[in-house]
């Protein structure tokens, strides 16, 4: 049986991961660390079997768990992950993995030295539409990829997300990494150049709530990416992750939250649709647990998390300099 603890419920994704742990027969959700009294009370009510620690350092010292899930504010990831690695715990770390390349490298190095696994939390990779798209593109069904239009919209989350000292940035920090990771995963290519613009146009906050990135891929395709907190609270779903691929043989459209994929081919004017309803958080946490139980490399590495985060950092540099930024950035 694999014993897993959660460090902080500051990030709302912690709730989804906790529910996922409860559904896995090979896993025990043994403990959690939370210093906010109101959040801790909510967690205790929903997960009464998990032991509560007010301090995450105390949890690492006293709890005999095999792994931790880190869902704290972004700036805290480095200290918590390095301490967890030194305590011999495998790590599933919420995205973005860190707020700087230096911190991300330190986390990855600490895990390597300690002989523990670190996986980045990119649940959208487990969407059936994403997996199907990856297969079709690998098989050459779309031909050469010429251009991609992508979005990651959501509601403005408030709280520590709009405090740059805790989050590292606004909508660009929050929403670039999912699509950056999917581009690398689906196409097997690297992002080699970034240009961006941003604004604070929708909410009275001190970080950007709108971002538009232009990316160049190693295979030659260009990508436009809208990473905005533009969904009103009344919107029918939280937000979206969409990708439209334009190929020489066919076009392909992914909508990851409704989990739909559409293919438009010139041959016979054919239009195909695929759908799937998997719980993405459950798939992510299950895969993380399996990598530990079967002692295999995590599907989404710390390096993957760092490369996705690098795109958002390059976007801010492009905004500052008003010039395209080549990757690797720093």
Foldseek 3Di string as FASTA:
>chain_A
DAEEEEEECQDVCVVVLVVLQVPDPVYDHAAYEDQDPVVVVVCCVVPVRHHYDPDLLVCLVPPPGQAYEYDHQQACLLVSLLSNLVSNHAYEYEPLNHLDLVSLVSSQVSNVVSVHFYFYDQLLCVQPQLVVLLVCVVVCQQPQWAEKEKEWEFAFPDDCQLVCVRHVAHLLRVFQLNVQLSCCVSVVWAWWKKEKDFACDDDPTDGTQWMWMWTAIPSGHIYIYIRGNPDDPPDPDGTWIKMWIHGPAWIKIATRPQSKIWIAGPVVRDIDMDGDDDSSSSVQSVQVVCCVVVVHHRPGGSVSSSSSSCRSVQHVVCNVVVHMATPPHD
